[in-house]
Amino acid sequence: MRPIISRTERAQMAMAFEVCAWDKPGNVDRCHDYPDTKLEHFLASVIFCRSALEKAEQRKGSVGALIREATILTGRHKGGNTHFGAFILLIPLIMGGTIRDASEIVRQTTIEDALDFYDAFAHTTVRVRDEDELDINDPKAKEELIKRKMTFFDVMEYSAPHDLVAREITQGFPLTRYTADLLITHQNEINPISKVFLKLL
């Protein structure tokens, strides 16, 4: 009898398979690097984040704190941002085990989760909108979160109109479900991840 593959291991495989798939125009893959971020940085990130993902699977920590921890762990390589957006999606999914439960977990997040999420930005390089009231680069932004009593879910709702990941979180992971179904449909074909990637463009 084969050992069960954990949700942590499935998440790590997903991140590794995605970055190794070829060809993904405009993205790092096994044949294309960015000047400051290369394939090996993504693969290192997949390995480095494991303990945070395991805590998520064991429900040992909150959404915001675990996103921050995963970001800190993966910041040990010398490349740029690798999986910050992935962690925002994966941490709730690993915690919940299902899309329905992940959505409920996100809705139950707290102000502390929002503050931890903002702290995570200090450990990565992510492009953000200019002139945002809740600009992550503004030291007063966290004070504004507290003043408005904004939870992590509230921050995602605030960002959803102009951020695909935030929109995915607040709408109940519809693209995640659609993408999983596409991968199942194309699983016996050559290079299914690249085909699905191109279909989603």
N, C-alpha and C. Protein backbone atom coordinates (compact mmCIF):
# COMPACT_ATOMS: atom_id res chain seq x y z
N MET A 1 0.84 -1.20 0.00
CA MET A 1 0.00 0.00 0.00
C MET A 1 0.88 1.26 0.00
N ARG A 2 0.61 2.15 -0.93
CA ARG A 2 1.41 3.37 -1.03
C ARG A 2 1.10 4.34 0.10
N PRO A 3 2.14 5.01 0.63
CA PRO A 3 1.89 6.05 1.63
C PRO A 3 1.06 7.18 1.02
N ILE A 4 0.21 7.77 1.83
CA ILE A 4 -0.62 8.89 1.36
C ILE A 4 0.27 10.11 1.12
N ILE A 5 0.00 10.81 0.02
CA ILE A 5 0.71 12.06 -0.27
C ILE A 5 -0.01 13.17 0.49
N SER A 6 0.71 13.88 1.33
CA SER A 6 0.10 14.91 2.16
C SER A 6 -0.27 16.14 1.33
N ARG A 7 -1.09 17.01 1.90
CA ARG A 7 -1.44 18.25 1.21
C ARG A 7 -0.21 19.13 1.04
N THR A 8 0.68 19.09 2.02
CA THR A 8 1.94 19.83 1.91
C THR A 8 2.73 19.35 0.71
N GLU A 9 2.87 18.06 0.56
CA GLU A 9 3.63 17.49 -0.56
C GLU A 9 2.96 17.80 -1.90
N ARG A 10 1.64 17.76 -1.92
CA ARG A 10 0.92 18.09 -3.16
C ARG A 10 1.17 19.55 -3.55
N ALA A 11 1.18 20.43 -2.56
CA ALA A 11 1.44 21.84 -2.83
C ALA A 11 2.86 22.04 -3.35
N GLN A 12 3.82 21.34 -2.74
CA GLN A 12 5.20 21.46 -3.20
C GLN A 12 5.36 20.92 -4.62
N MET A 13 4.71 19.81 -4.92
CA MET A 13 4.77 19.27 -6.27
C MET A 13 4.15 20.23 -7.27
N ALA A 14 3.03 20.83 -6.89
CA ALA A 14 2.36 21.78 -7.79
C ALA A 14 3.27 22.95 -8.13
N MET A 15 3.95 23.50 -7.11
CA MET A 15 4.84 24.63 -7.35
C MET A 15 6.04 24.22 -8.20
N ALA A 16 6.58 23.03 -7.95
CA ALA A 16 7.74 22.56 -8.71
C ALA A 16 7.36 22.24 -10.16
N PHE A 17 6.24 21.53 -10.35
CA PHE A 17 5.81 21.19 -11.71
C PHE A 17 5.49 22.44 -12.52
N GLU A 18 4.87 23.42 -11.87
CA GLU A 18 4.47 24.63 -12.59
C GLU A 18 5.69 25.37 -13.13
N VAL A 19 6.70 25.57 -12.31
CA VAL A 19 7.85 26.36 -12.76
C VAL A 19 8.70 25.58 -13.77
N CYS A 20 8.65 24.26 -13.72
CA CYS A 20 9.45 23.45 -14.65
C CYS A 20 8.75 23.23 -15.99
N ALA A 21 7.47 23.54 -16.06
CA ALA A 21 6.73 23.34 -17.31
C ALA A 21 7.23 24.32 -18.37
N TRP A 22 7.26 23.85 -19.61
CA TRP A 22 7.75 24.68 -20.73
C TRP A 22 6.82 24.49 -21.92
N ASP A 23 6.41 25.51 -22.58
CA ASP A 23 6.87 26.89 -22.57
C ASP A 23 5.76 27.74 -21.94
N LYS A 24 6.12 28.71 -21.10
CA LYS A 24 5.15 29.60 -20.46
C LYS A 24 5.57 31.03 -20.76
N PRO A 25 5.12 31.60 -21.85
CA PRO A 25 5.57 32.94 -22.28
C PRO A 25 5.50 33.98 -21.18
N GLY A 26 6.62 34.68 -20.98
CA GLY A 26 6.66 35.75 -19.99
C GLY A 26 6.97 35.30 -18.58
N ASN A 27 7.05 33.98 -18.37
CA ASN A 27 7.30 33.45 -17.03
C ASN A 27 8.59 32.66 -16.98
N VAL A 28 9.13 32.52 -15.78
CA VAL A 28 10.29 31.64 -15.59
C VAL A 28 9.86 30.21 -15.83
N ASP A 29 10.66 29.48 -16.60
CA ASP A 29 10.46 28.04 -16.77
C ASP A 29 11.84 27.41 -16.94
N ARG A 30 11.89 26.15 -17.33
CA ARG A 30 13.21 25.50 -17.37
C ARG A 30 14.10 26.00 -18.51
N CYS A 31 13.55 26.81 -19.40
CA CYS A 31 14.34 27.37 -20.50
C CYS A 31 14.45 28.89 -20.45
N HIS A 32 13.78 29.53 -19.50
CA HIS A 32 13.78 30.99 -19.43
C HIS A 32 13.91 31.46 -17.98
N ASP A 33 14.81 32.40 -17.77
CA ASP A 33 14.99 33.03 -16.46
C ASP A 33 14.69 34.52 -16.56
N TYR A 34 14.43 35.16 -15.41
CA TYR A 34 14.45 36.61 -15.32
C TYR A 34 15.88 37.02 -14.95
N PRO A 35 16.25 38.28 -15.17
CA PRO A 35 17.61 38.71 -14.81
C PRO A 35 17.95 38.45 -13.34
N ASP A 36 16.98 38.65 -12.45
CA ASP A 36 17.27 38.52 -11.01
C ASP A 36 16.66 37.29 -10.37
N THR A 37 15.85 36.55 -11.11
CA THR A 37 15.16 35.38 -10.54
C THR A 37 15.21 34.24 -11.54
N LYS A 38 15.78 33.12 -11.10
CA LYS A 38 16.01 31.99 -12.01
C LYS A 38 15.25 30.75 -11.53
N LEU A 39 15.26 29.74 -12.39
CA LEU A 39 14.56 28.49 -12.07
C LEU A 39 14.99 27.95 -10.72
N GLU A 40 16.30 27.97 -10.45
CA GLU A 40 16.78 27.39 -9.19
C GLU A 40 16.27 28.14 -7.97
N HIS A 41 15.98 29.43 -8.11
CA HIS A 41 15.40 30.18 -6.99
C HIS A 41 14.00 29.67 -6.68
N PHE A 42 13.22 29.38 -7.72
CA PHE A 42 11.88 28.84 -7.52
C PHE A 42 11.95 27.46 -6.86
N LEU A 43 12.88 26.62 -7.32
CA LEU A 43 13.00 25.28 -6.76
C LEU A 43 13.48 25.34 -5.31
N ALA A 44 14.39 26.25 -5.01
CA ALA A 44 14.82 26.44 -3.62
C ALA A 44 13.65 26.88 -2.76
N SER A 45 12.83 27.77 -3.29
CA SER A 45 11.65 28.26 -2.57
C SER A 45 10.70 27.12 -2.23
N VAL A 46 10.51 26.20 -3.18
CA VAL A 46 9.64 25.05 -2.96
C VAL A 46 10.12 24.23 -1.76
N ILE A 47 11.43 24.07 -1.65
CA ILE A 47 12.00 23.29 -0.54
C ILE A 47 11.95 24.07 0.77
N PHE A 48 12.33 25.33 0.72
CA PHE A 48 12.44 26.14 1.94
C PHE A 48 11.10 26.32 2.67
N CYS A 49 9.99 26.35 1.94
CA CYS A 49 8.70 26.69 2.55
C CYS A 49 8.03 25.52 3.28
N ARG A 50 8.61 24.34 3.21
CA ARG A 50 7.92 23.14 3.67
C ARG A 50 7.38 23.24 5.10
N SER A 51 8.18 23.71 6.03
CA SER A 51 7.73 23.71 7.43
C SER A 51 6.50 24.59 7.63
N ALA A 52 6.41 25.70 6.90
CA ALA A 52 5.23 26.56 7.01
C ALA A 52 4.00 25.86 6.44
N LEU A 53 4.18 25.15 5.33
CA LEU A 53 3.06 24.42 4.74
C LEU A 53 2.60 23.29 5.65
N GLU A 54 3.54 22.62 6.30
CA GLU A 54 3.18 21.56 7.24
C GLU A 54 2.37 22.12 8.41
N LYS A 55 2.77 23.28 8.90
CA LYS A 55 2.00 23.91 9.98
C LYS A 55 0.59 24.23 9.52
N ALA A 56 0.46 24.68 8.27
CA ALA A 56 -0.87 24.97 7.72
C ALA A 56 -1.72 23.70 7.69
N GLU A 57 -1.13 22.61 7.27
CA GLU A 57 -1.87 21.34 7.19
C GLU A 57 -2.29 20.87 8.58
N GLN A 58 -1.47 21.14 9.57
CA GLN A 58 -1.77 20.74 10.95
C GLN A 58 -2.59 21.79 11.70
N ARG A 59 -2.94 22.87 11.02
CA ARG A 59 -3.68 24.00 11.61
C ARG A 59 -2.92 24.60 12.80
N LYS A 60 -1.61 24.66 12.70
CA LYS A 60 -0.79 25.25 13.76
C LYS A 60 -0.37 26.65 13.34
N GLY A 61 -1.28 27.57 13.46
CA GLY A 61 -1.01 28.94 13.06
C GLY A 61 -2.18 29.52 12.31
N SER A 62 -2.13 30.82 12.10
CA SER A 62 -3.20 31.52 11.39
C SER A 62 -2.78 31.80 9.96
N VAL A 63 -3.74 32.19 9.13
CA VAL A 63 -3.47 32.44 7.71
C VAL A 63 -2.37 33.47 7.53
N GLY A 64 -2.53 34.62 8.16
CA GLY A 64 -1.56 35.69 7.98
C GLY A 64 -0.18 35.33 8.48
N ALA A 65 -0.12 34.70 9.65
CA ALA A 65 1.17 34.33 10.24
C ALA A 65 1.89 33.30 9.38
N LEU A 66 1.15 32.37 8.80
CA LEU A 66 1.77 31.33 7.99
C LEU A 66 2.21 31.85 6.63
N ILE A 67 1.47 32.79 6.07
CA ILE A 67 1.93 33.44 4.83
C ILE A 67 3.24 34.18 5.10
N ARG A 68 3.28 34.87 6.23
CA ARG A 68 4.51 35.59 6.60
C ARG A 68 5.67 34.61 6.80
N GLU A 69 5.41 33.51 7.51
CA GLU A 69 6.47 32.54 7.77
C GLU A 69 7.00 31.92 6.48
N ALA A 70 6.09 31.54 5.59
CA ALA A 70 6.51 30.96 4.31
C ALA A 70 7.34 31.95 3.51
N THR A 71 6.95 33.22 3.55
CA THR A 71 7.67 34.26 2.82
C THR A 71 9.07 34.47 3.40
N ILE A 72 9.17 34.46 4.72
CA ILE A 72 10.48 34.61 5.37
C ILE A 72 11.38 33.42 5.02
N LEU A 73 10.82 32.22 5.08
CA LEU A 73 11.61 31.01 4.79
C LEU A 73 12.15 31.02 3.37
N THR A 74 11.33 31.45 2.43
CA THR A 74 11.76 31.42 1.02
C THR A 74 12.63 32.61 0.66
N GLY A 75 12.73 33.58 1.54
CA GLY A 75 13.57 34.74 1.28
C GLY A 75 15.05 34.46 1.47
N ARG A 76 15.41 33.22 1.76
CA ARG A 76 16.82 32.90 2.01
C ARG A 76 17.63 32.75 0.73
N HIS A 77 16.96 32.58 -0.42
CA HIS A 77 17.72 32.54 -1.68
C HIS A 77 17.98 33.97 -2.15
N LYS A 78 18.83 34.13 -3.15
CA LYS A 78 19.26 35.46 -3.59
C LYS A 78 18.43 36.01 -4.74
N GLY A 79 17.41 35.28 -5.15
CA GLY A 79 16.57 35.76 -6.24
C GLY A 79 15.47 36.69 -5.74
N GLY A 80 14.59 37.08 -6.65
CA GLY A 80 13.48 37.95 -6.28
C GLY A 80 12.29 37.15 -5.78
N ASN A 81 11.11 37.73 -5.87
CA ASN A 81 9.89 37.06 -5.43
C ASN A 81 9.64 35.80 -6.26
N THR A 82 9.35 34.71 -5.59
CA THR A 82 9.07 33.46 -6.29
C THR A 82 7.62 32.99 -6.08
N HIS A 83 7.19 32.86 -4.84
CA HIS A 83 5.90 32.22 -4.58
C HIS A 83 4.98 33.00 -3.66
N PHE A 84 5.16 34.31 -3.53
CA PHE A 84 4.33 35.06 -2.59
C PHE A 84 2.84 34.92 -2.93
N GLY A 85 2.49 35.12 -4.19
CA GLY A 85 1.09 34.98 -4.59
C GLY A 85 0.57 33.57 -4.39
N ALA A 86 1.44 32.59 -4.65
CA ALA A 86 1.05 31.19 -4.45
C ALA A 86 0.73 30.91 -2.99
N PHE A 87 1.53 31.47 -2.08
CA PHE A 87 1.30 31.24 -0.65
C PHE A 87 -0.05 31.82 -0.20
N ILE A 88 -0.42 32.96 -0.76
CA ILE A 88 -1.71 33.57 -0.39
C ILE A 88 -2.85 32.62 -0.71
N LEU A 89 -2.73 31.89 -1.81
CA LEU A 89 -3.75 30.92 -2.20
C LEU A 89 -3.57 29.58 -1.48
N LEU A 90 -2.33 29.11 -1.41
CA LEU A 90 -2.09 27.76 -0.92
C LEU A 90 -2.29 27.59 0.58
N ILE A 91 -1.90 28.58 1.37
CA ILE A 91 -2.02 28.43 2.83
C ILE A 91 -3.47 28.13 3.23
N PRO A 92 -4.47 28.92 2.80
CA PRO A 92 -5.86 28.57 3.16
C PRO A 92 -6.30 27.22 2.59
N LEU A 93 -5.87 26.90 1.35
CA LEU A 93 -6.26 25.63 0.74
C LEU A 93 -5.68 24.45 1.49
N ILE A 94 -4.43 24.56 1.91
CA ILE A 94 -3.82 23.48 2.69
C ILE A 94 -4.48 23.36 4.05
N MET A 95 -4.76 24.48 4.68
CA MET A 95 -5.43 24.45 5.99
C MET A 95 -6.80 23.81 5.88
N GLY A 96 -7.55 24.17 4.85
CA GLY A 96 -8.92 23.69 4.72
C GLY A 96 -9.04 22.29 4.15
N GLY A 97 -8.18 21.96 3.21
CA GLY A 97 -8.27 20.65 2.57
C GLY A 97 -9.25 20.61 1.42
N THR A 98 -10.24 21.48 1.43
CA THR A 98 -11.20 21.61 0.34
C THR A 98 -11.38 23.09 0.04
N ILE A 99 -11.89 23.38 -1.15
CA ILE A 99 -12.13 24.78 -1.51
C ILE A 99 -13.17 25.40 -0.59
N ARG A 100 -14.21 24.65 -0.27
CA ARG A 100 -15.26 25.18 0.60
C ARG A 100 -14.70 25.55 1.97
N ASP A 101 -13.91 24.65 2.55
CA ASP A 101 -13.35 24.92 3.87
C ASP A 101 -12.30 26.04 3.82
N ALA A 102 -11.53 26.09 2.74
CA ALA A 102 -10.55 27.17 2.59
C ALA A 102 -11.25 28.52 2.53
N SER A 103 -12.35 28.58 1.82
CA SER A 103 -13.11 29.84 1.72
C SER A 103 -13.63 30.27 3.08
N GLU A 104 -14.08 29.30 3.86
CA GLU A 104 -14.59 29.61 5.20
C GLU A 104 -13.46 30.08 6.12
N ILE A 105 -12.31 29.45 6.01
CA ILE A 105 -11.16 29.86 6.83
C ILE A 105 -10.78 31.30 6.53
N VAL A 106 -10.76 31.66 5.26
CA VAL A 106 -10.40 33.03 4.88
C VAL A 106 -11.42 34.03 5.42
N ARG A 107 -12.69 33.66 5.39
CA ARG A 107 -13.74 34.56 5.89
C ARG A 107 -13.66 34.75 7.40
N GLN A 108 -13.05 33.82 8.09
CA GLN A 108 -12.94 33.89 9.55
C GLN A 108 -11.62 34.52 10.02
N THR A 109 -10.84 35.06 9.09
CA THR A 109 -9.58 35.67 9.48
C THR A 109 -9.80 36.94 10.30
N THR A 110 -8.74 37.40 10.93
CA THR A 110 -8.82 38.50 11.89
C THR A 110 -7.98 39.70 11.45
N ILE A 111 -8.06 40.76 12.25
CA ILE A 111 -7.20 41.92 12.02
C ILE A 111 -5.73 41.51 12.14
N GLU A 112 -5.44 40.62 13.08
CA GLU A 112 -4.06 40.16 13.26
C GLU A 112 -3.54 39.48 12.00
N ASP A 113 -4.40 38.74 11.32
CA ASP A 113 -4.01 38.12 10.06
C ASP A 113 -3.64 39.18 9.03
N ALA A 114 -4.41 40.24 8.99
CA ALA A 114 -4.13 41.34 8.05
C ALA A 114 -2.78 41.98 8.36
N LEU A 115 -2.51 42.20 9.64
CA LEU A 115 -1.24 42.81 10.04
C LEU A 115 -0.06 41.90 9.73
N ASP A 116 -0.22 40.61 9.97
CA ASP A 116 0.84 39.65 9.64
C ASP A 116 1.07 39.61 8.13
N PHE A 117 -0.01 39.68 7.38
CA PHE A 117 0.10 39.69 5.92
C PHE A 117 0.89 40.90 5.45
N TYR A 118 0.62 42.05 6.02
CA TYR A 118 1.37 43.26 5.67
C TYR A 118 2.84 43.12 6.08
N ASP A 119 3.10 42.48 7.21
CA ASP A 119 4.48 42.24 7.63
C ASP A 119 5.23 41.38 6.61
N ALA A 120 4.52 40.45 5.98
CA ALA A 120 5.15 39.54 5.01
C ALA A 120 5.77 40.31 3.85
N PHE A 121 5.16 41.43 3.48
CA PHE A 121 5.68 42.21 2.35
C PHE A 121 7.10 42.72 2.59
N ALA A 122 7.46 42.88 3.85
CA ALA A 122 8.80 43.37 4.17
C ALA A 122 9.88 42.34 3.84
N HIS A 123 9.46 41.10 3.58
CA HIS A 123 10.41 40.02 3.34
C HIS A 123 10.42 39.56 1.89
N THR A 124 9.83 40.34 1.00
CA THR A 124 9.84 39.99 -0.42
C THR A 124 9.78 41.26 -1.25
N THR A 125 9.86 41.09 -2.55
CA THR A 125 9.75 42.23 -3.47
C THR A 125 8.56 41.99 -4.38
N VAL A 126 7.50 42.72 -4.14
CA VAL A 126 6.27 42.55 -4.92
C VAL A 126 5.86 43.91 -5.47
N ARG A 127 5.51 43.93 -6.75
CA ARG A 127 5.04 45.18 -7.33
C ARG A 127 3.62 45.48 -6.85
N VAL A 128 3.39 46.70 -6.44
CA VAL A 128 2.07 47.11 -5.95
C VAL A 128 1.66 48.41 -6.64
N ARG A 129 0.38 48.73 -6.51
CA ARG A 129 -0.13 49.96 -7.12
C ARG A 129 0.43 51.19 -6.43
N ASP A 130 0.64 52.23 -7.22
CA ASP A 130 1.02 53.52 -6.65
C ASP A 130 -0.21 54.21 -6.08
N GLU A 131 0.00 55.10 -5.13
CA GLU A 131 -1.05 55.94 -4.59
C GLU A 131 -2.24 55.13 -4.04
N ASP A 132 -1.93 54.13 -3.26
CA ASP A 132 -2.96 53.31 -2.63
C ASP A 132 -3.13 53.77 -1.18
N GLU A 133 -4.37 53.90 -0.73
CA GLU A 133 -4.63 54.33 0.65
C GLU A 133 -4.00 53.38 1.66
N LEU A 134 -3.93 52.11 1.29
CA LEU A 134 -3.37 51.11 2.19
C LEU A 134 -2.05 50.58 1.64
N ASP A 135 -1.23 51.47 1.14
CA ASP A 135 0.06 51.14 0.54
C ASP A 135 0.93 50.38 1.53
N ILE A 136 1.40 49.22 1.11
CA ILE A 136 2.22 48.40 2.00
C ILE A 136 3.53 49.08 2.36
N ASN A 137 3.96 50.02 1.54
CA ASN A 137 5.22 50.72 1.82
C ASN A 137 5.04 51.91 2.76
N ASP A 138 3.81 52.20 3.11
CA ASP A 138 3.51 53.30 4.02
C ASP A 138 3.50 52.79 5.46
N PRO A 139 4.39 53.29 6.31
CA PRO A 139 4.44 52.83 7.71
C PRO A 139 3.12 52.99 8.45
N LYS A 140 2.28 53.91 7.98
CA LYS A 140 1.01 54.17 8.65
C LYS A 140 -0.11 53.25 8.17
N ALA A 141 0.17 52.42 7.18
CA ALA A 141 -0.87 51.56 6.61
C ALA A 141 -1.45 50.60 7.65
N LYS A 142 -0.59 50.04 8.49
CA LYS A 142 -1.06 49.11 9.51
C LYS A 142 -1.94 49.81 10.53
N GLU A 143 -1.61 51.05 10.83
CA GLU A 143 -2.47 51.83 11.73
C GLU A 143 -3.85 52.01 11.11
N GLU A 144 -3.87 52.19 9.80
CA GLU A 144 -5.14 52.36 9.10
C GLU A 144 -5.95 51.06 9.11
N LEU A 145 -5.27 49.93 8.99
CA LEU A 145 -5.95 48.64 9.07
C LEU A 145 -6.63 48.48 10.42
N ILE A 146 -5.90 48.82 11.47
CA ILE A 146 -6.46 48.72 12.83
C ILE A 146 -7.63 49.67 13.00
N LYS A 147 -7.47 50.88 12.51
CA LYS A 147 -8.52 51.89 12.62
C LYS A 147 -9.80 51.43 11.92
N ARG A 148 -9.63 50.82 10.75
CA ARG A 148 -10.79 50.36 9.97
C ARG A 148 -11.26 48.96 10.39
N LYS A 149 -10.51 48.33 11.30
CA LYS A 149 -10.82 46.97 11.76
C LYS A 149 -10.90 46.00 10.59
N MET A 150 -9.91 46.07 9.72
CA MET A 150 -9.90 45.24 8.52
C MET A 150 -9.21 43.91 8.78
N THR A 151 -9.91 42.83 8.46
CA THR A 151 -9.34 41.50 8.55
C THR A 151 -8.57 41.19 7.27
N PHE A 152 -7.93 40.04 7.24
CA PHE A 152 -7.25 39.60 6.01
C PHE A 152 -8.25 39.52 4.86
N PHE A 153 -9.43 38.98 5.13
CA PHE A 153 -10.45 38.89 4.08
C PHE A 153 -10.86 40.28 3.60
N ASP A 154 -10.98 41.22 4.52
CA ASP A 154 -11.32 42.59 4.14
C ASP A 154 -10.26 43.19 3.23
N VAL A 155 -9.00 42.92 3.53
CA VAL A 155 -7.90 43.41 2.69
C VAL A 155 -8.00 42.81 1.30
N MET A 156 -8.34 41.53 1.23
CA MET A 156 -8.50 40.87 -0.07
C MET A 156 -9.67 41.49 -0.84
N GLU A 157 -10.76 41.78 -0.16
CA GLU A 157 -11.91 42.43 -0.81
C GLU A 157 -11.52 43.81 -1.32
N TYR A 158 -10.77 44.53 -0.54
CA TYR A 158 -10.31 45.87 -0.92
C TYR A 158 -9.45 45.80 -2.18
N SER A 159 -8.62 44.76 -2.27
CA SER A 159 -7.67 44.62 -3.38
C SER A 159 -8.26 43.93 -4.60
N ALA A 160 -9.36 43.23 -4.43
CA ALA A 160 -9.91 42.37 -5.49
C ALA A 160 -10.16 43.07 -6.83
N PRO A 161 -10.64 44.32 -6.87
CA PRO A 161 -10.90 44.94 -8.17
C PRO A 161 -9.68 45.06 -9.07
N HIS A 162 -8.48 45.06 -8.48
CA HIS A 162 -7.27 45.24 -9.29
C HIS A 162 -6.22 44.16 -9.03
N ASP A 163 -6.59 43.06 -8.37
CA ASP A 163 -5.62 42.01 -8.05
C ASP A 163 -6.25 40.64 -8.25
N LEU A 164 -5.68 39.84 -9.15
CA LEU A 164 -6.25 38.54 -9.49
C LEU A 164 -6.26 37.58 -8.31
N VAL A 165 -5.18 37.55 -7.54
CA VAL A 165 -5.10 36.64 -6.40
C VAL A 165 -6.14 37.00 -5.34
N ALA A 166 -6.27 38.28 -5.04
CA ALA A 166 -7.27 38.72 -4.06
C ALA A 166 -8.68 38.39 -4.54
N ARG A 167 -8.91 38.56 -5.82
CA ARG A 167 -10.23 38.25 -6.39
C ARG A 167 -10.52 36.75 -6.28
N GLU A 168 -9.52 35.94 -6.52
CA GLU A 168 -9.67 34.49 -6.41
C GLU A 168 -10.05 34.09 -4.98
N ILE A 169 -9.40 34.72 -4.00
CA ILE A 169 -9.68 34.45 -2.59
C ILE A 169 -11.12 34.81 -2.24
N THR A 170 -11.55 36.00 -2.61
CA THR A 170 -12.85 36.51 -2.17
C THR A 170 -14.01 35.86 -2.91
N GLN A 171 -13.76 35.34 -4.10
CA GLN A 171 -14.84 34.74 -4.89
C GLN A 171 -14.95 33.23 -4.70
N GLY A 172 -14.12 32.67 -3.81
CA GLY A 172 -14.24 31.24 -3.51
C GLY A 172 -13.43 30.33 -4.39
N PHE A 173 -12.28 30.81 -4.89
CA PHE A 173 -11.33 30.01 -5.66
C PHE A 173 -11.91 29.41 -6.95
N PRO A 174 -12.67 30.17 -7.74
CA PRO A 174 -13.26 29.61 -8.96
C PRO A 174 -12.23 29.24 -10.02
N LEU A 175 -11.20 30.05 -10.18
CA LEU A 175 -10.18 29.76 -11.18
C LEU A 175 -9.32 28.58 -10.76
N THR A 176 -9.14 28.42 -9.46
CA THR A 176 -8.41 27.26 -8.94
C THR A 176 -9.14 25.97 -9.31
N ARG A 177 -10.45 25.95 -9.11
CA ARG A 177 -11.26 24.79 -9.46
C ARG A 177 -11.25 24.52 -10.96
N TYR A 178 -11.40 25.58 -11.73
CA TYR A 178 -11.41 25.47 -13.19
C TYR A 178 -10.07 24.94 -13.70
N THR A 179 -8.98 25.46 -13.15
CA THR A 179 -7.65 25.03 -13.57
C THR A 179 -7.40 23.57 -13.21
N ALA A 180 -7.82 23.17 -12.02
CA ALA A 180 -7.67 21.77 -11.61
C ALA A 180 -8.43 20.85 -12.56
N ASP A 181 -9.63 21.25 -12.94
CA ASP A 181 -10.42 20.44 -13.88
C ASP A 181 -9.75 20.35 -15.24
N LEU A 182 -9.17 21.46 -15.70
CA LEU A 182 -8.45 21.45 -16.98
C LEU A 182 -7.25 20.51 -16.93
N LEU A 183 -6.51 20.55 -15.83
CA LEU A 183 -5.34 19.68 -15.69
C LEU A 183 -5.74 18.21 -15.69
N ILE A 184 -6.86 17.90 -15.06
CA ILE A 184 -7.36 16.52 -15.07
C ILE A 184 -7.73 16.11 -16.49
N THR A 185 -8.38 17.01 -17.22
CA THR A 185 -8.79 16.73 -18.60
C THR A 185 -7.58 16.46 -19.50
N HIS A 186 -6.50 17.21 -19.30
CA HIS A 186 -5.33 17.11 -20.18
C HIS A 186 -4.19 16.28 -19.59
N GLN A 187 -4.44 15.56 -18.49
CA GLN A 187 -3.35 14.93 -17.76
C GLN A 187 -2.59 13.88 -18.56
N ASN A 188 -3.21 13.25 -19.54
CA ASN A 188 -2.53 12.20 -20.30
C ASN A 188 -1.87 12.72 -21.57
N GLU A 189 -1.90 14.04 -21.76
CA GLU A 189 -1.27 14.64 -22.93
C GLU A 189 0.16 15.07 -22.61
N ILE A 190 0.92 15.37 -23.64
CA ILE A 190 2.29 15.85 -23.44
C ILE A 190 2.25 17.30 -22.95
N ASN A 191 3.00 17.58 -21.90
CA ASN A 191 3.14 18.93 -21.34
C ASN A 191 1.78 19.58 -21.02
N PRO A 192 0.96 18.94 -20.20
CA PRO A 192 -0.37 19.49 -19.91
C PRO A 192 -0.35 20.82 -19.16
N ILE A 193 0.65 21.05 -18.32
CA ILE A 193 0.69 22.30 -17.55
C ILE A 193 0.86 23.49 -18.48
N SER A 194 1.75 23.36 -19.45
CA SER A 194 1.94 24.45 -20.42
C SER A 194 0.68 24.70 -21.22
N LYS A 195 -0.01 23.64 -21.62
CA LYS A 195 -1.25 23.79 -22.39
C LYS A 195 -2.31 24.53 -21.58
N VAL A 196 -2.44 24.17 -20.32
CA VAL A 196 -3.42 24.83 -19.46
C VAL A 196 -3.02 26.28 -19.22
N PHE A 197 -1.73 26.51 -19.02
CA PHE A 197 -1.24 27.88 -18.84
C PHE A 197 -1.63 28.76 -20.03
N LEU A 198 -1.39 28.27 -21.23
CA LEU A 198 -1.71 29.05 -22.43
C LEU A 198 -3.21 29.25 -22.58
N LYS A 199 -3.97 28.25 -22.19
CA LYS A 199 -5.43 28.36 -22.27
C LYS A 199 -5.96 29.43 -21.33
N LEU A 200 -5.29 29.61 -20.20
CA LEU A 200 -5.73 30.58 -19.19
C LEU A 200 -5.33 32.02 -19.52
N LEU A 201 -4.40 32.18 -20.46
CA LEU A 201 -3.95 33.54 -20.80
C LEU A 201 -5.08 34.38 -21.38
